[in-house]
Protein backbone atom coordinates (compact mmCIF):
# COMPACT_ATOMS: atom_id res chain seq x y z
CA MET A 1 58.48 -16.01 -24.25
CA SER A 2 57.73 -12.83 -22.35
CA ARG A 3 57.04 -9.45 -24.03
CA PRO A 4 60.16 -7.78 -22.65
CA ARG A 5 62.31 -10.74 -23.86
CA LEU A 6 60.69 -10.54 -27.26
CA PHE A 7 61.48 -6.81 -27.44
CA GLU A 8 65.11 -7.46 -26.51
CA LEU A 9 65.43 -10.09 -29.17
CA GLY A 10 63.81 -7.85 -31.75
CA GLU A 11 66.05 -4.99 -30.80
CA ALA A 12 69.22 -7.26 -31.10
CA VAL A 13 68.18 -8.36 -34.54
CA ARG A 14 67.52 -4.69 -35.62
CA VAL A 15 70.95 -3.55 -34.38
CA HIS A 16 72.68 -6.36 -36.21
CA MET A 17 70.77 -5.55 -39.50
CA ASP A 18 71.78 -1.86 -39.10
CA LEU A 19 75.35 -2.95 -38.50
CA HIS A 20 75.40 -5.27 -41.49
CA ALA A 21 74.00 -2.56 -43.73
CA ALA A 22 76.59 -0.16 -42.47
CA VAL A 23 79.62 -2.25 -42.70
CA GLY A 24 78.94 -4.37 -45.82
CA GLN A 25 80.41 -1.93 -48.36
CA VAL A 26 83.16 -0.79 -45.92
CA LEU A 27 84.30 -4.38 -45.40
CA GLY A 28 84.55 -4.87 -49.16
CA GLU A 29 86.60 -1.70 -49.50
CA LEU A 30 88.83 -2.69 -46.54
CA ARG A 31 89.55 -6.07 -48.12
CA ALA A 32 90.30 -4.45 -51.49
CA GLN A 33 92.72 -2.03 -49.85
CA THR A 34 94.60 -4.49 -47.67
CA GLY A 35 94.13 -7.72 -49.59
CA GLU A 36 93.36 -9.39 -46.18
CA SER A 37 90.43 -11.11 -44.50
CA SER A 38 88.15 -8.48 -43.07
CA GLN A 39 85.55 -8.90 -40.31
CA VAL A 40 83.23 -7.28 -37.84
CA GLY A 41 82.86 -8.50 -34.33
CA VAL A 42 80.48 -7.68 -31.45
CA LEU A 43 80.63 -8.36 -27.70
CA ASP A 44 78.33 -11.01 -26.37
CA GLY A 45 79.01 -11.63 -22.71
CA ASP A 46 82.70 -12.40 -22.35
CA GLU A 47 83.12 -13.43 -26.01
CA VAL A 48 83.38 -11.87 -29.43
CA VAL A 49 81.04 -12.95 -32.12
CA TYR A 50 82.00 -12.26 -35.75
CA VAL A 51 78.81 -11.12 -37.38
CA ASP A 52 80.17 -10.30 -40.87
CA ARG A 53 83.23 -11.44 -42.73
CA LEU A 54 84.99 -11.40 -46.10
CA GLU A 55 87.84 -13.78 -46.92
CA SER A 56 91.08 -12.80 -48.36
CA ALA A 57 91.81 -13.66 -52.01
CA HIS A 58 95.21 -15.07 -51.01
CA SER A 59 95.66 -18.78 -51.17
CA LEU A 60 97.25 -18.57 -47.57
CA ARG A 61 94.59 -17.10 -45.45
CA LEU A 62 92.58 -17.38 -42.29
CA PHE A 63 89.45 -19.33 -42.08
CA THR A 64 87.05 -17.87 -39.37
CA GLU A 65 83.43 -18.47 -40.18
CA THR A 66 80.77 -15.85 -39.50
CA GLY A 67 79.09 -16.49 -36.20
CA ARG A 68 82.26 -17.91 -34.65
CA ARG A 69 82.77 -17.02 -30.93
CA VAL A 70 86.24 -16.21 -29.65
CA PRO A 71 87.67 -15.17 -26.19
CA VAL A 72 87.57 -11.49 -25.60
CA HIS A 73 91.07 -11.07 -24.04
CA CYS A 74 93.24 -12.49 -26.91
CA THR A 75 91.74 -11.01 -30.11
CA SER A 76 92.22 -7.47 -31.45
CA SER A 77 88.42 -7.01 -31.82
CA GLY A 78 87.93 -8.25 -28.28
CA LYS A 79 90.52 -5.89 -26.89
CA VAL A 80 88.96 -2.94 -28.73
CA LEU A 81 85.50 -3.81 -27.48
CA LEU A 82 86.80 -4.21 -23.93
CA ALA A 83 88.90 -0.97 -24.08
CA PHE A 84 85.96 1.25 -24.90
CA LEU A 85 83.44 -0.15 -22.49
CA PRO A 86 82.31 1.96 -19.58
CA GLU A 87 84.64 1.21 -16.78
CA ALA A 88 82.11 -0.65 -14.50
CA ARG A 89 80.99 -2.87 -17.36
CA ARG A 90 84.57 -3.55 -18.43
CA HIS A 91 85.47 -4.69 -14.97
CA ALA A 92 82.35 -6.99 -14.89
CA VAL A 93 83.25 -8.57 -18.23
CA LEU A 94 86.78 -9.15 -17.15
CA ARG A 95 85.66 -10.68 -13.86
CA ALA A 96 83.54 -13.17 -15.87
CA ALA A 97 86.12 -13.77 -18.57
CA PRO A 98 88.64 -16.55 -17.76
CA LEU A 99 91.99 -15.16 -18.99
CA THR A 100 93.06 -18.52 -20.44
CA ALA A 101 96.49 -18.87 -22.00
CA LEU A 102 95.82 -20.19 -25.53
CA THR A 103 99.44 -19.64 -26.48
CA PRO A 104 102.58 -18.48 -24.55
CA HIS A 105 101.78 -14.87 -25.90
CA THR A 106 98.31 -14.64 -24.49
CA ILE A 107 97.90 -11.89 -21.89
CA THR A 108 96.60 -13.55 -18.74
CA ASP A 109 97.64 -11.09 -16.10
CA PRO A 110 94.81 -8.59 -15.34
CA ASP A 111 97.10 -5.63 -14.66
CA ARG A 112 99.03 -6.15 -17.97
CA LEU A 113 95.73 -6.52 -19.79
CA ALA A 114 94.41 -3.26 -18.07
CA ALA A 115 97.59 -1.40 -19.25
CA GLU A 116 97.08 -2.76 -22.76
CA LEU A 117 93.43 -1.50 -22.79
CA ASP A 118 94.69 1.89 -21.68
CA ARG A 119 97.00 2.06 -24.72
CA ILE A 120 94.24 1.00 -27.01
CA ARG A 121 91.99 3.75 -25.84
CA ARG A 122 94.83 6.39 -26.34
CA ARG A 123 95.84 5.27 -29.80
CA GLY A 124 92.43 4.11 -31.10
CA TRP A 125 93.33 0.55 -32.31
CA ALA A 126 94.35 -2.87 -31.04
CA GLU A 127 96.51 -5.72 -32.08
CA ALA A 128 96.76 -9.39 -31.28
CA ILE A 129 100.00 -11.11 -32.33
CA ASN A 130 100.23 -14.85 -31.75
CA GLU A 131 97.83 -14.51 -28.78
CA ARG A 132 94.91 -16.71 -29.95
CA GLU A 133 96.90 -18.99 -32.24
CA ILE A 134 100.57 -19.01 -33.11
CA GLY A 135 101.21 -17.69 -36.57
CA LEU A 136 98.06 -15.47 -36.72
CA ALA A 137 97.76 -11.71 -36.12
CA SER A 138 95.06 -9.15 -36.27
CA ILE A 139 94.48 -5.52 -35.91
CA ALA A 140 91.11 -3.81 -35.08
CA ALA A 141 89.51 -0.36 -34.59
CA PRO A 142 86.14 0.65 -32.98
CA VAL A 143 82.82 1.18 -34.78
CA ARG A 144 80.53 3.69 -33.02
CA ASP A 145 76.84 4.20 -33.23
CA ILE A 146 74.96 7.40 -33.51
CA ASN A 147 75.41 8.08 -29.75
CA GLY A 148 79.18 7.58 -29.97
CA GLU A 149 79.00 4.28 -28.13
CA VAL A 150 81.44 1.54 -29.43
CA THR A 151 79.09 -1.26 -30.62
CA ALA A 152 81.41 -3.28 -32.85
CA ALA A 153 85.02 -3.68 -33.94
CA ILE A 154 86.25 -3.90 -37.52
CA SER A 155 89.48 -5.84 -38.10
CA ILE A 156 91.71 -7.71 -40.50
CA GLY A 157 93.39 -10.92 -39.78
CA VAL A 158 96.61 -12.27 -41.38
CA PRO A 159 98.86 -15.31 -41.25
CA LEU A 160 102.30 -14.10 -40.15
CA ALA A 161 103.96 -16.48 -42.68
CA ARG A 162 102.85 -13.83 -45.29
CA CYS A 163 102.73 -10.57 -43.31
CA THR A 164 105.28 -9.11 -40.87
CA VAL A 165 104.12 -7.45 -37.61
CA MET A 166 105.59 -4.14 -38.87
CA ALA A 167 103.71 -4.37 -42.11
CA LEU A 168 100.45 -5.11 -40.19
CA ARG A 169 100.96 -2.11 -37.84
CA ARG A 170 101.38 0.12 -40.92
CA LEU A 171 97.81 -0.80 -41.81
CA ALA A 172 96.45 0.66 -38.53
CA PRO A 173 95.41 3.98 -40.16
CA THR A 174 93.54 2.12 -42.86
CA ILE A 175 91.58 0.14 -40.32
CA MET A 176 90.76 3.27 -38.34
CA GLU A 177 89.53 5.00 -41.47
CA ALA A 178 87.34 1.96 -42.33
CA ALA A 179 85.95 2.06 -38.67
CA GLU A 180 85.16 5.74 -39.04
CA ALA A 181 83.48 5.13 -42.31
CA ALA A 182 81.27 2.41 -40.84
CA SER A 183 80.54 4.57 -37.82
CA ARG A 184 79.45 7.50 -40.07
CA ARG A 185 77.13 5.10 -41.87
CA LEU A 186 75.59 4.30 -38.45
CA GLY A 187 74.95 7.98 -37.91
CA TRP A 188 78.03 8.82 -35.75
CA SER A 189 79.98 12.03 -36.42
CA PRO A 190 83.03 13.49 -34.60
CA GLU A 191 81.54 16.91 -35.23
CA LEU A 192 78.44 15.92 -33.27
CA LEU A 193 80.56 14.70 -30.41
CA GLN A 194 82.47 17.97 -30.30
CA GLN A 195 79.21 19.82 -30.23
CA LYS A 196 77.93 17.66 -27.30
CA GLU A 197 81.14 18.26 -25.43
CA GLY A 198 81.09 21.96 -26.13
């Protein structure tokens, strides 16, 4: 293996270790607050990989193992990660990602997905309702690194047999607070961002 490739691999491992250290406690607190399965996903190509996960204590819950890959366009984590990419990279990912319909609710029209991503950037969180699998819903918010770049998404997932869409949406501020807490643990601060812009 070449030296540059070894460096890239080592850097990827370091970033994931930093992320795990930053989100571990936050994930536990998020699960305690919401009672729902909580996870952290990162973008890898045109897929989301869940790198950390805590299961709900409910008997009726989701089962998504750590390390699982899911399509980027039909999950709340994927949509958050897409929404906050620089525009050129977002277009590149979307060109590579097949917008496959996994359910009748999956967004497969590029223009409709682009409008959804605009909404996500404005409000700061994403949802996916019945888009990857009927009966499942999730809501996610962006986790930023010390430079303010969105490097991960923190989310909760619920079976709709136990939680209504409106009840899930009421948890958006909680997810955003958890994402900000994880971001701060990675060194990000909205005050630093304001200083840079000022």
